[in-house]
């Protein structure tokens, strides 16, 4: 599978496809130099309950790197590794960088926020649940005070929220313990002009950016959205069994080399928008034939059995009312930081 933009037509639409090509050729609108027809004009922008959404403040501070004792991680093949993991400021792996080719395990890109009351507290759950991908963040202490960034991920178990900034040198101005103010906005979002699709963990800001990038409702009533890669639900692991999908993530297991090659999963990047095929995240995360979940890659791969790059849910449809379109630019770096 290459990473040029490809529109997925419904099965059985070969006659329609041929008719469209003939029409485009006749009208002189399609050039074989590599240009492609702009089909986004056919899409209806997504509407939601914007006037009902509550915008409130939550706070986190930059957490320290964490390490268990002994520090070894047991790989799915029985190997032992000592690797960097969650927490801290990760200077050299940020939004848009590889989530696979790094000497780490569950590494969180850019900046990790925790709540000072501890991850088991109600305040920590508030930070994780209410923070939505694309929410604006302001640094309120330290040398970086006044800088603004965005929420780029949520990590379950550790209850971390990840933040990144547009400026390349922004992380150099931050220290462990610096506090940040998140304008939490998006929890409670309901899509009002499409049936069978739930939104969660997505901010109005990100929704607008996705719409600008070509997301919309097709004439058939499906949510069409650009995704960097497709992921089969049969390899999803840690995070299954939860009763909701409004915080944290669940992991893509990458231990089957054939599947990794077939779906190009070695190309996963932090911030990639991905489609998990046959996955329903409506009320927890389950395998369901025909269902579709759209999410964002929020932490790196792992050698531990059942674990891998984490996916935080953005949209889900139990009945498959989402139409993913391969788009190599479908990454938060292009949506939030360009």
C-alpha atoms as a PDB file:
ATOM      1  CA  UNK A   1       0.000   0.000   0.000  1.00  0.00           C
ATOM      2  CA  UNK A   2       1.537   3.335  -0.973  1.00  0.00           C
ATOM      3  CA  UNK A   3       0.923   6.607   0.830  1.00  0.00           C
ATOM      4  CA  UNK A   4      -0.435   8.744  -1.966  1.00  0.00           C
ATOM      5  CA  UNK A   5      -3.935  10.027  -1.401  1.00  0.00           C
ATOM      6  CA  UNK A   6      -6.450   7.396  -2.550  1.00  0.00           C
ATOM      7  CA  UNK A   7     -10.233   7.643  -2.412  1.00  0.00           C
ATOM      8  CA  UNK A   8     -11.921   4.408  -1.323  1.00  0.00           C
ATOM      9  CA  UNK A   9     -15.110   3.911  -3.338  1.00  0.00           C
ATOM     10  CA  UNK A  10     -17.787   1.546  -2.117  1.00  0.00           C
ATOM     11  CA  UNK A  11     -17.541  -2.073  -3.303  1.00  0.00           C
ATOM     12  CA  UNK A  12     -19.436  -2.661  -6.529  1.00  0.00           C
ATOM     13  CA  UNK A  13     -19.025   0.917  -7.723  1.00  0.00           C
ATOM     14  CA  UNK A  14     -16.858   0.014 -10.732  1.00  0.00           C
ATOM     15  CA  UNK A  15     -19.475   1.234 -13.227  1.00  0.00           C
ATOM     16  CA  UNK A  16     -19.876   4.471 -11.323  1.00  0.00           C
ATOM     17  CA  UNK A  17     -16.102   4.857 -11.150  1.00  0.00           C
ATOM     18  CA  UNK A  18     -15.755   4.396 -14.937  1.00  0.00           C
ATOM     19  CA  UNK A  19     -18.525   6.906 -15.556  1.00  0.00           C
ATOM     20  CA  UNK A  20     -16.847   9.465 -13.301  1.00  0.00           C
ATOM     21  CA  UNK A  21     -13.507   9.063 -15.119  1.00  0.00           C
ATOM     22  CA  UNK A  22     -15.160   9.482 -18.537  1.00  0.00           C
ATOM     23  CA  UNK A  23     -16.998  12.575 -17.323  1.00  0.00           C
ATOM     24  CA  UNK A  24     -13.832  14.094 -15.919  1.00  0.00           C
ATOM     25  CA  UNK A  25     -11.880  13.398 -19.099  1.00  0.00           C
ATOM     26  CA  UNK A  26     -14.629  14.916 -21.232  1.00  0.00           C
ATOM     27  CA  UNK A  27     -14.743  18.049 -19.088  1.00  0.00           C
ATOM     28  CA  UNK A  28     -10.972  18.366 -19.141  1.00  0.00           C
ATOM     29  CA  UNK A  29     -10.809  18.453 -15.353  1.00  0.00           C
ATOM     30  CA  UNK A  30      -8.483  15.532 -14.790  1.00  0.00           C
ATOM     31  CA  UNK A  31      -4.815  15.663 -15.841  1.00  0.00           C
ATOM     32  CA  UNK A  32      -2.716  12.505 -15.971  1.00  0.00           C
ATOM     33  CA  UNK A  33       0.323  14.397 -14.668  1.00  0.00           C
ATOM     34  CA  UNK A  34      -0.521  13.188 -11.171  1.00  0.00           C
ATOM     35  CA  UNK A  35      -3.215  15.693 -10.237  1.00  0.00           C
ATOM     36  CA  UNK A  36      -6.384  14.292  -8.751  1.00  0.00           C
ATOM     37  CA  UNK A  37      -9.982  15.523  -8.782  1.00  0.00           C
ATOM     38  CA  UNK A  38     -11.072  17.519  -5.755  1.00  0.00           C
ATOM     39  CA  UNK A  39     -14.003  15.546  -4.377  1.00  0.00           C
ATOM     40  CA  UNK A  40     -14.243  17.422  -1.075  1.00  0.00           C
ATOM     41  CA  UNK A  41     -16.735  19.849  -2.636  1.00  0.00           C
ATOM     42  CA  UNK A  42     -19.287  17.028  -2.492  1.00  0.00           C
ATOM     43  CA  UNK A  43     -18.910  16.708   1.267  1.00  0.00           C
ATOM     44  CA  UNK A  44     -21.093  18.387   3.881  1.00  0.00           C
ATOM     45  CA  UNK A  45     -19.220  19.904   6.862  1.00  0.00           C
ATOM     46  CA  UNK A  46     -19.840  18.141  10.168  1.00  0.00           C
ATOM     47  CA  UNK A  47     -22.095  19.977  12.599  1.00  0.00           C
ATOM     48  CA  UNK A  48     -22.093  19.502  16.363  1.00  0.00           C
ATOM     49  CA  UNK A  49     -23.653  20.895  19.541  1.00  0.00           C
ATOM     50  CA  UNK A  50     -21.218  23.806  19.737  1.00  0.00           C
ATOM     51  CA  UNK A  51     -23.441  26.057  21.876  1.00  0.00           C
ATOM     52  CA  UNK A  52     -23.847  23.333  24.504  1.00  0.00           C
ATOM     53  CA  UNK A  53     -20.180  22.459  25.010  1.00  0.00           C
ATOM     54  CA  UNK A  54     -18.620  23.470  28.319  1.00  0.00           C
ATOM     55  CA  UNK A  55     -15.145  25.023  28.293  1.00  0.00           C
ATOM     56  CA  UNK A  56     -13.273  24.767  31.576  1.00  0.00           C
ATOM     57  CA  UNK A  57      -9.746  24.785  32.940  1.00  0.00           C
ATOM     58  CA  UNK A  58      -7.740  21.734  33.970  1.00  0.00           C
ATOM     59  CA  UNK A  59      -4.132  21.775  35.114  1.00  0.00           C
ATOM     60  CA  UNK A  60      -1.158  19.483  34.877  1.00  0.00           C
ATOM     61  CA  UNK A  61       2.540  19.662  35.602  1.00  0.00           C
ATOM     62  CA  UNK A  62       5.442  18.162  33.694  1.00  0.00           C
ATOM     63  CA  UNK A  63       5.946  14.700  35.146  1.00  0.00           C
ATOM     64  CA  UNK A  64       9.248  12.997  35.803  1.00  0.00           C
ATOM     65  CA  UNK A  65      10.512   9.956  33.956  1.00  0.00           C
ATOM     66  CA  UNK A  66       9.278   6.712  35.507  1.00  0.00           C
ATOM     67  CA  UNK A  67      11.118   3.421  35.917  1.00  0.00           C
ATOM     68  CA  UNK A  68      10.127   0.196  37.682  1.00  0.00           C
ATOM     69  CA  UNK A  69      12.481  -1.889  39.804  1.00  0.00           C
ATOM     70  CA  UNK A  70      14.143  -3.921  38.500  1.00  0.00           C
ATOM     71  CA  UNK A  71      14.249  -1.813  35.331  1.00  0.00           C
ATOM     72  CA  UNK A  72      13.989  -4.737  32.893  1.00  0.00           C
ATOM     73  CA  UNK A  73      11.060  -5.049  30.522  1.00  0.00           C
ATOM     74  CA  UNK A  74      10.217  -8.589  29.422  1.00  0.00           C
ATOM     75  CA  UNK A  75       9.710  -8.806  25.672  1.00  0.00           C
ATOM     76  CA  UNK A  76       7.100 -10.964  23.985  1.00  0.00           C
ATOM     77  CA  UNK A  77       9.992 -13.185  22.829  1.00  0.00           C
ATOM     78  CA  UNK A  78      11.390 -13.555  26.360  1.00  0.00           C
ATOM     79  CA  UNK A  79      14.145 -10.968  25.911  1.00  0.00           C
ATOM     80  CA  UNK A  80      15.071  -8.462  28.602  1.00  0.00           C
ATOM     81  CA  UNK A  81      15.575  -4.786  27.807  1.00  0.00           C
ATOM     82  CA  UNK A  82      16.213  -1.626  29.828  1.00  0.00           C
ATOM     83  CA  UNK A  83      14.628   1.258  27.933  1.00  0.00           C
ATOM     84  CA  UNK A  84      13.312   4.794  28.493  1.00  0.00           C
ATOM     85  CA  UNK A  85       9.563   4.839  29.010  1.00  0.00           C
ATOM     86  CA  UNK A  86       6.786   7.178  30.096  1.00  0.00           C
ATOM     87  CA  UNK A  87       6.982  10.671  31.525  1.00  0.00           C
ATOM     88  CA  UNK A  88       9.377  13.616  31.314  1.00  0.00           C
ATOM     89  CA  UNK A  89      10.229  15.882  28.371  1.00  0.00           C
ATOM     90  CA  UNK A  90      11.126  13.916  25.237  1.00  0.00           C
ATOM     91  CA  UNK A  91      13.241  16.330  23.218  1.00  0.00           C
ATOM     92  CA  UNK A  92      14.017  14.350  20.084  1.00  0.00           C
ATOM     93  CA  UNK A  93      10.743  12.518  19.373  1.00  0.00           C
ATOM     94  CA  UNK A  94       7.798  14.825  18.831  1.00  0.00           C
ATOM     95  CA  UNK A  95       4.641  15.083  16.745  1.00  0.00           C
ATOM     96  CA  UNK A  96       5.245  13.691  13.268  1.00  0.00           C
ATOM     97  CA  UNK A  97       8.305  11.643  14.262  1.00  0.00           C
ATOM     98  CA  UNK A  98       8.470   7.851  14.128  1.00  0.00           C
ATOM     99  CA  UNK A  99       6.640   5.988  16.887  1.00  0.00           C
ATOM    100  CA  UNK A 100       8.430   2.746  15.981  1.00  0.00           C
ATOM    101  CA  UNK A 101      12.136   3.266  15.279  1.00  0.00           C
ATOM    102  CA  UNK A 102      13.317   4.422  18.678  1.00  0.00           C
ATOM    103  CA  UNK A 103      15.091   2.748  21.600  1.00  0.00           C
ATOM    104  CA  UNK A 104      12.209   3.195  24.012  1.00  0.00           C
ATOM    105  CA  UNK A 105       9.046   1.562  25.326  1.00  0.00           C
ATOM    106  CA  UNK A 106       5.737   3.448  25.669  1.00  0.00           C
ATOM    107  CA  UNK A 107       7.638   6.701  25.076  1.00  0.00           C
ATOM    108  CA  UNK A 108       5.391   9.769  25.149  1.00  0.00           C
ATOM    109  CA  UNK A 109       6.279  12.461  22.598  1.00  0.00           C
ATOM    110  CA  UNK A 110       7.229  16.034  23.555  1.00  0.00           C
ATOM    111  CA  UNK A 111       5.879  16.896  27.039  1.00  0.00           C
ATOM    112  CA  UNK A 112       4.118  14.656  29.567  1.00  0.00           C
ATOM    113  CA  UNK A 113       1.666  16.223  32.023  1.00  0.00           C
ATOM    114  CA  UNK A 114       0.479  14.599  35.240  1.00  0.00           C
ATOM    115  CA  UNK A 115      -1.751  15.883  38.018  1.00  0.00           C
ATOM    116  CA  UNK A 116       0.159  16.622  41.235  1.00  0.00           C
ATOM    117  CA  UNK A 117      -2.475  14.804  43.323  1.00  0.00           C
ATOM    118  CA  UNK A 118      -1.490  11.442  41.784  1.00  0.00           C
ATOM    119  CA  UNK A 119      -2.833   9.392  38.910  1.00  0.00           C
ATOM    120  CA  UNK A 120      -5.517   7.612  40.978  1.00  0.00           C
ATOM    121  CA  UNK A 121      -7.226  10.852  42.085  1.00  0.00           C
ATOM    122  CA  UNK A 122     -10.466  12.332  40.791  1.00  0.00           C
ATOM    123  CA  UNK A 123      -8.495  15.393  39.715  1.00  0.00           C
ATOM    124  CA  UNK A 124      -6.190  13.234  37.608  1.00  0.00           C
ATOM    125  CA  UNK A 125      -9.184  11.601  35.948  1.00  0.00           C
ATOM    126  CA  UNK A 126     -10.568  15.083  35.290  1.00  0.00           C
ATOM    127  CA  UNK A 127      -7.320  16.077  33.592  1.00  0.00           C
ATOM    128  CA  UNK A 128      -7.323  12.986  31.380  1.00  0.00           C
ATOM    129  CA  UNK A 129     -11.011  12.782  30.498  1.00  0.00           C
ATOM    130  CA  UNK A 130     -11.672  16.494  29.959  1.00  0.00           C
ATOM    131  CA  UNK A 131      -8.515  17.200  27.936  1.00  0.00           C
ATOM    132  CA  UNK A 132      -9.280  16.754  24.237  1.00  0.00           C
ATOM    133  CA  UNK A 133      -6.875  16.394  21.326  1.00  0.00           C
ATOM    134  CA  UNK A 134      -6.250  19.855  19.909  1.00  0.00           C
ATOM    135  CA  UNK A 135      -7.108  21.790  23.092  1.00  0.00           C
ATOM    136  CA  UNK A 136      -5.003  24.907  23.593  1.00  0.00           C
ATOM    137  CA  UNK A 137      -2.481  24.760  26.435  1.00  0.00           C
ATOM    138  CA  UNK A 138      -0.704  27.668  28.146  1.00  0.00           C
ATOM    139  CA  UNK A 139       2.489  27.376  30.205  1.00  0.00           C
ATOM    140  CA  UNK A 140       1.863  29.188  33.501  1.00  0.00           C
ATOM    141  CA  UNK A 141       5.149  28.733  35.403  1.00  0.00           C
ATOM    142  CA  UNK A 142       8.856  28.742  34.654  1.00  0.00           C
ATOM    143  CA  UNK A 143      10.949  30.203  31.855  1.00  0.00           C
ATOM    144  CA  UNK A 144       8.414  29.146  29.240  1.00  0.00           C
ATOM    145  CA  UNK A 145       5.547  31.009  30.919  1.00  0.00           C
ATOM    146  CA  UNK A 146       3.109  32.353  28.332  1.00  0.00           C
ATOM    147  CA  UNK A 147       3.983  29.833  25.600  1.00  0.00           C
ATOM    148  CA  UNK A 148       1.003  28.092  24.022  1.00  0.00           C
ATOM    149  CA  UNK A 149       0.752  24.575  22.631  1.00  0.00           C
ATOM    150  CA  UNK A 150      -1.804  21.830  22.072  1.00  0.00           C
ATOM    151  CA  UNK A 151      -2.898  18.518  23.573  1.00  0.00           C
ATOM    152  CA  UNK A 152      -1.592  15.747  21.296  1.00  0.00           C
ATOM    153  CA  UNK A 153      -2.325  12.578  23.282  1.00  0.00           C
ATOM    154  CA  UNK A 154      -3.729  10.778  26.305  1.00  0.00           C
ATOM    155  CA  UNK A 155      -2.135   7.683  27.838  1.00  0.00           C
ATOM    156  CA  UNK A 156      -4.155   5.183  29.847  1.00  0.00           C
ATOM    157  CA  UNK A 157      -2.798   3.483  32.958  1.00  0.00           C
ATOM    158  CA  UNK A 158      -0.348   6.264  33.654  1.00  0.00           C
ATOM    159  CA  UNK A 159      -3.161   8.818  33.115  1.00  0.00           C
ATOM    160  CA  UNK A 160      -0.770  11.158  31.301  1.00  0.00           C
ATOM    161  CA  UNK A 161      -1.668  13.953  28.893  1.00  0.00           C
ATOM    162  CA  UNK A 162       0.875  14.853  26.194  1.00  0.00           C
ATOM    163  CA  UNK A 163       1.536  18.371  24.911  1.00  0.00           C
ATOM    164  CA  UNK A 164       3.529  19.763  21.993  1.00  0.00           C
ATOM    165  CA  UNK A 165       4.382  23.188  20.612  1.00  0.00           C
ATOM    166  CA  UNK A 166       4.892  24.666  17.169  1.00  0.00           C
ATOM    167  CA  UNK A 167       8.258  26.236  18.004  1.00  0.00           C
ATOM    168  CA  UNK A 168      11.241  23.862  17.552  1.00  0.00           C
ATOM    169  CA  UNK A 169      13.034  25.259  20.631  1.00  0.00           C
ATOM    170  CA  UNK A 170       9.990  25.419  22.926  1.00  0.00           C
ATOM    171  CA  UNK A 171      10.974  22.353  24.955  1.00  0.00           C
ATOM    172  CA  UNK A 172      14.339  23.926  25.854  1.00  0.00           C
ATOM    173  CA  UNK A 173      12.460  26.545  27.892  1.00  0.00           C
ATOM    174  CA  UNK A 174      10.663  23.968  30.044  1.00  0.00           C
ATOM    175  CA  UNK A 175      11.658  22.186  33.250  1.00  0.00           C
ATOM    176  CA  UNK A 176      10.229  19.234  35.155  1.00  0.00           C
ATOM    177  CA  UNK A 177       7.451  20.444  37.420  1.00  0.00           C
ATOM    178  CA  UNK A 178       6.418  23.396  35.245  1.00  0.00           C
ATOM    179  CA  UNK A 179       2.659  23.775  35.256  1.00  0.00           C
ATOM    180  CA  UNK A 180       0.330  24.167  32.311  1.00  0.00           C
ATOM    181  CA  UNK A 181      -3.260  25.382  31.996  1.00  0.00           C
ATOM    182  CA  UNK A 182      -5.425  23.429  29.537  1.00  0.00           C
ATOM    183  CA  UNK A 183      -8.553  24.979  28.067  1.00  0.00           C
ATOM    184  CA  UNK A 184     -10.512  21.723  28.188  1.00  0.00           C
ATOM    185  CA  UNK A 185     -13.169  21.844  25.495  1.00  0.00           C
ATOM    186  CA  UNK A 186     -14.870  19.069  23.579  1.00  0.00           C
ATOM    187  CA  UNK A 187     -16.106  16.494  26.089  1.00  0.00           C
ATOM    188  CA  UNK A 188     -19.846  16.119  25.506  1.00  0.00           C
ATOM    189  CA  UNK A 189     -19.570  16.745  21.758  1.00  0.00           C
ATOM    190  CA  UNK A 190     -22.352  15.191  19.691  1.00  0.00           C
ATOM    191  CA  UNK A 191     -22.402  15.213  15.907  1.00  0.00           C
ATOM    192  CA  UNK A 192     -25.812  16.562  14.923  1.00  0.00           C
ATOM    193  CA  UNK A 193     -26.028  16.055  11.155  1.00  0.00           C
ATOM    194  CA  UNK A 194     -24.820  12.474  10.838  1.00  0.00           C
ATOM    195  CA  UNK A 195     -26.209   9.274  12.342  1.00  0.00           C
ATOM    196  CA  UNK A 196     -24.271   6.410  13.845  1.00  0.00           C
ATOM    197  CA  UNK A 197     -20.990   8.227  14.581  1.00  0.00           C
ATOM    198  CA  UNK A 198     -19.777   9.160  18.067  1.00  0.00           C
ATOM    199  CA  UNK A 199     -17.087  11.753  18.768  1.00  0.00           C
ATOM    200  CA  UNK A 200     -14.860  11.611  21.844  1.00  0.00           C
ATOM    201  CA  UNK A 201     -11.568  13.165  22.917  1.00  0.00           C
ATOM    202  CA  UNK A 202     -11.758  15.573  19.957  1.00  0.00           C
ATOM    203  CA  UNK A 203     -11.707  19.365  20.395  1.00  0.00           C
ATOM    204  CA  UNK A 204     -13.677  21.817  18.245  1.00  0.00           C
ATOM    205  CA  UNK A 205     -10.283  23.128  17.123  1.00  0.00           C
ATOM    206  CA  UNK A 206      -9.213  19.731  15.767  1.00  0.00           C
ATOM    207  CA  UNK A 207     -12.652  19.191  14.223  1.00  0.00           C
ATOM    208  CA  UNK A 208     -12.214  22.458  12.302  1.00  0.00           C
ATOM    209  CA  UNK A 209      -8.702  21.468  11.175  1.00  0.00           C
ATOM    210  CA  UNK A 210      -9.900  18.059   9.998  1.00  0.00           C
ATOM    211  CA  UNK A 211     -12.702  19.739   8.052  1.00  0.00           C
ATOM    212  CA  UNK A 212     -10.188  22.081   6.394  1.00  0.00           C
ATOM    213  CA  UNK A 213      -8.151  18.980   5.471  1.00  0.00           C
ATOM    214  CA  UNK A 214     -11.140  17.415   3.689  1.00  0.00           C
ATOM    215  CA  UNK A 215     -13.245  15.673   6.344  1.00  0.00           C
ATOM    216  CA  UNK A 216     -16.979  15.771   5.764  1.00  0.00           C
ATOM    217  CA  UNK A 217     -20.193  13.859   5.248  1.00  0.00           C
ATOM    218  CA  UNK A 218     -20.661  12.053   1.924  1.00  0.00           C
ATOM    219  CA  UNK A 219     -23.922  12.076  -0.066  1.00  0.00           C
ATOM    220  CA  UNK A 220     -24.460   8.565   1.314  1.00  0.00           C
ATOM    221  CA  UNK A 221     -24.342   9.926   4.873  1.00  0.00           C
ATOM    222  CA  UNK A 222     -20.914   8.609   5.901  1.00  0.00           C
ATOM    223  CA  UNK A 223     -18.156  10.514   7.655  1.00  0.00           C
ATOM    224  CA  UNK A 224     -15.239  10.638   5.216  1.00  0.00           C
ATOM    225  CA  UNK A 225     -11.905  11.354   6.889  1.00  0.00           C
ATOM    226  CA  UNK A 226      -8.248  11.200   5.933  1.00  0.00           C
ATOM    227  CA  UNK A 227      -6.091   8.635   7.719  1.00  0.00           C
ATOM    228  CA  UNK A 228      -2.386   7.897   7.440  1.00  0.00           C
ATOM    229  CA  UNK A 229      -2.779   4.127   7.845  1.00  0.00           C
ATOM    230  CA  UNK A 230      -5.329   1.352   8.331  1.00  0.00           C
ATOM    231  CA  UNK A 231      -5.007  -1.001  11.309  1.00  0.00           C
ATOM    232  CA  UNK A 232      -6.873  -4.333  11.622  1.00  0.00           C
ATOM    233  CA  UNK A 233      -8.656  -4.646  14.972  1.00  0.00           C
ATOM    234  CA  UNK A 234      -7.441  -8.233  15.355  1.00  0.00           C
ATOM    235  CA  UNK A 235      -4.009  -6.962  16.475  1.00  0.00           C
ATOM    236  CA  UNK A 236      -5.280  -4.462  19.063  1.00  0.00           C
ATOM    237  CA  UNK A 237      -4.193  -5.219  22.616  1.00  0.00           C
ATOM    238  CA  UNK A 238      -3.723  -3.414  25.935  1.00  0.00           C
ATOM    239  CA  UNK A 239      -6.667  -1.139  26.704  1.00  0.00           C
ATOM    240  CA  UNK A 240      -9.303  -3.693  25.753  1.00  0.00           C
ATOM    241  CA  UNK A 241     -11.733  -4.431  28.547  1.00  0.00           C
ATOM    242  CA  UNK A 242     -12.258  -0.837  29.647  1.00  0.00           C
ATOM    243  CA  UNK A 243     -15.854   0.329  30.062  1.00  0.00           C
ATOM    244  CA  UNK A 244     -15.349   3.592  28.148  1.00  0.00           C
ATOM    245  CA  UNK A 245     -13.025   5.252  25.612  1.00  0.00           C
ATOM    246  CA  UNK A 246     -13.085   8.831  26.918  1.00  0.00           C
ATOM    247  CA  UNK A 247      -9.577   8.675  28.344  1.00  0.00           C
ATOM    248  CA  UNK A 248      -6.332   6.900  27.635  1.00  0.00           C
ATOM    249  CA  UNK A 249      -5.713   4.678  24.618  1.00  0.00           C
ATOM    250  CA  UNK A 250      -5.351   1.111  23.425  1.00  0.00           C
ATOM    251  CA  UNK A 251      -2.352  -0.494  21.807  1.00  0.00           C
ATOM    252  CA  UNK A 252      -1.471  -1.843  18.364  1.00  0.00           C
ATOM    253  CA  UNK A 253       0.437  -5.114  18.742  1.00  0.00           C
ATOM    254  CA  UNK A 254       3.259  -5.302  16.189  1.00  0.00           C
ATOM    255  CA  UNK A 255       4.555  -8.824  16.808  1.00  0.00           C
ATOM    256  CA  UNK A 256       3.136 -10.340  13.596  1.00  0.00           C
ATOM    257  CA  UNK A 257       5.642  -9.399  10.883  1.00  0.00           C
ATOM    258  CA  UNK A 258       3.264 -10.333   8.063  1.00  0.00           C
ATOM    259  CA  UNK A 259       0.564  -7.965   9.310  1.00  0.00           C
ATOM    260  CA  UNK A 260       3.086  -5.188   9.946  1.00  0.00           C
ATOM    261  CA  UNK A 261       4.322  -5.463   6.361  1.00  0.00           C
ATOM    262  CA  UNK A 262       0.856  -5.785   4.847  1.00  0.00           C
ATOM    263  CA  UNK A 263      -0.429  -2.626   6.554  1.00  0.00           C
ATOM    264  CA  UNK A 264       2.878  -0.654   6.570  1.00  0.00           C
ATOM    265  CA  UNK A 265       2.680  -0.345  10.340  1.00  0.00           C
ATOM    266  CA  UNK A 266       6.410   0.174  10.675  1.00  0.00           C
ATOM    267  CA  UNK A 267       5.709   3.672   9.313  1.00  0.00           C
ATOM    268  CA  UNK A 268       3.515   4.779  12.242  1.00  0.00           C
ATOM    269  CA  UNK A 269       4.294   8.266  13.527  1.00  0.00           C
ATOM    270  CA  UNK A 270       3.341  10.192  16.656  1.00  0.00           C
ATOM    271  CA  UNK A 271       0.216  12.158  15.772  1.00  0.00           C
ATOM    272  CA  UNK A 272      -0.893   9.939  12.881  1.00  0.00           C
ATOM    273  CA  UNK A 273      -4.646   9.765  12.358  1.00  0.00           C
ATOM    274  CA  UNK A 274      -5.432   6.072  11.819  1.00  0.00           C
ATOM    275  CA  UNK A 275      -8.486   3.907  11.133  1.00  0.00           C
ATOM    276  CA  UNK A 276      -8.941   0.732  13.167  1.00  0.00           C
ATOM    277  CA  UNK A 277     -11.031  -1.573  11.004  1.00  0.00           C
ATOM    278  CA  UNK A 278     -13.678  -3.779  12.694  1.00  0.00           C
ATOM    279  CA  UNK A 279     -13.273  -1.894  15.981  1.00  0.00           C
ATOM    280  CA  UNK A 280     -16.099  -0.325  17.971  1.00  0.00           C
ATOM    281  CA  UNK A 281     -15.158   2.102  20.763  1.00  0.00           C
ATOM    282  CA  UNK A 282     -18.673   3.306  21.601  1.00  0.00           C
ATOM    283  CA  UNK A 283     -18.845   1.864  25.136  1.00  0.00           C
ATOM    284  CA  UNK A 284     -15.385   0.530  25.704  1.00  0.00           C
ATOM    285  CA  UNK A 285     -13.273  -1.124  23.017  1.00  0.00           C
ATOM    286  CA  UNK A 286     -14.458  -4.270  21.270  1.00  0.00           C
ATOM    287  CA  UNK A 287     -13.955  -6.218  18.037  1.00  0.00           C
ATOM    288  CA  UNK A 288     -17.037  -5.904  15.814  1.00  0.00           C
ATOM    289  CA  UNK A 289     -17.205  -6.755  12.127  1.00  0.00           C
ATOM    290  CA  UNK A 290     -17.983  -3.658  10.058  1.00  0.00           C
ATOM    291  CA  UNK A 291     -17.328  -1.154  12.836  1.00  0.00           C
ATOM    292  CA  UNK A 292     -14.751   1.617  12.382  1.00  0.00           C
ATOM    293  CA  UNK A 293     -12.753   3.589  14.947  1.00  0.00           C
ATOM    294  CA  UNK A 294     -10.679   6.653  14.061  1.00  0.00           C
ATOM    295  CA  UNK A 295      -7.908   7.551  16.481  1.00  0.00           C
ATOM    296  CA  UNK A 296      -4.535   9.239  16.897  1.00  0.00           C
ATOM    297  CA  UNK A 297      -1.160   7.658  17.743  1.00  0.00           C
ATOM    298  CA  UNK A 298      -0.185   8.932  21.177  1.00  0.00           C
ATOM    299  CA  UNK A 299       2.744   6.853  22.458  1.00  0.00           C
ATOM    300  CA  UNK A 300       5.481   4.676  21.009  1.00  0.00           C
ATOM    301  CA  UNK A 301       5.725   0.952  20.414  1.00  0.00           C
ATOM    302  CA  UNK A 302       6.606  -1.619  23.049  1.00  0.00           C
ATOM    303  CA  UNK A 303       8.367  -4.963  23.355  1.00  0.00           C
ATOM    304  CA  UNK A 304       5.884  -6.144  26.021  1.00  0.00           C
ATOM    305  CA  UNK A 305       3.286  -8.750  25.017  1.00  0.00           C
ATOM    306  CA  UNK A 306      -0.083  -7.174  24.275  1.00  0.00           C
ATOM    307  CA  UNK A 307       1.381  -3.681  23.949  1.00  0.00           C
ATOM    308  CA  UNK A 308       2.466  -1.331  21.172  1.00  0.00           C
ATOM    309  CA  UNK A 309       1.781   2.164  19.809  1.00  0.00           C
ATOM    310  CA  UNK A 310      -1.226   3.684  21.581  1.00  0.00           C
ATOM    311  CA  UNK A 311      -4.391   4.900  19.838  1.00  0.00           C
ATOM    312  CA  UNK A 312      -6.656   7.491  21.459  1.00  0.00           C
ATOM    313  CA  UNK A 313     -10.188   7.404  19.996  1.00  0.00           C
ATOM    314  CA  UNK A 314     -11.537  10.414  18.092  1.00  0.00           C
ATOM    315  CA  UNK A 315     -14.556   8.975  16.256  1.00  0.00           C
ATOM    316  CA  UNK A 316     -16.241   5.587  16.242  1.00  0.00           C
ATOM    317  CA  UNK A 317     -19.134   3.977  14.396  1.00  0.00           C
ATOM    318  CA  UNK A 318     -20.588   0.651  15.462  1.00  0.00           C
ATOM    319  CA  UNK A 319     -22.342   0.322  12.103  1.00  0.00           C
ATOM    320  CA  UNK A 320     -19.384   1.320   9.941  1.00  0.00           C
ATOM    321  CA  UNK A 321     -20.721   4.779   9.074  1.00  0.00           C
ATOM    322  CA  UNK A 322     -17.171   6.103   8.591  1.00  0.00           C
ATOM    323  CA  UNK A 323     -15.313   6.077   5.269  1.00  0.00           C
ATOM    324  CA  UNK A 324     -11.527   6.375   5.742  1.00  0.00           C
ATOM    325  CA  UNK A 325      -9.394   7.817   2.957  1.00  0.00           C
ATOM    326  CA  UNK A 326      -5.645   7.176   2.832  1.00  0.00           C
ATOM    327  CA  UNK A 327      -3.779  10.473   3.188  1.00  0.00           C
ATOM    328  CA  UNK A 328      -0.097  10.556   4.133  1.00  0.00           C
ATOM    329  CA  UNK A 329      -0.554  14.091   5.506  1.00  0.00           C
ATOM    330  CA  UNK A 330      -3.115  12.947   8.105  1.00  0.00           C
ATOM    331  CA  UNK A 331      -0.991  13.812  11.135  1.00  0.00           C
ATOM    332  CA  UNK A 332      -1.368  16.321  13.970  1.00  0.00           C
ATOM    333  CA  UNK A 333       1.856  18.013  12.857  1.00  0.00           C
ATOM    334  CA  UNK A 334       0.097  19.125   9.682  1.00  0.00           C
ATOM    335  CA  UNK A 335      -3.263  19.745  11.323  1.00  0.00           C
ATOM    336  CA  UNK A 336      -2.181  21.695  14.432  1.00  0.00           C
ATOM    337  CA  UNK A 337       1.366  22.960  13.931  1.00  0.00           C
ATOM    338  CA  UNK A 338       1.697  23.936  10.259  1.00  0.00           C
END
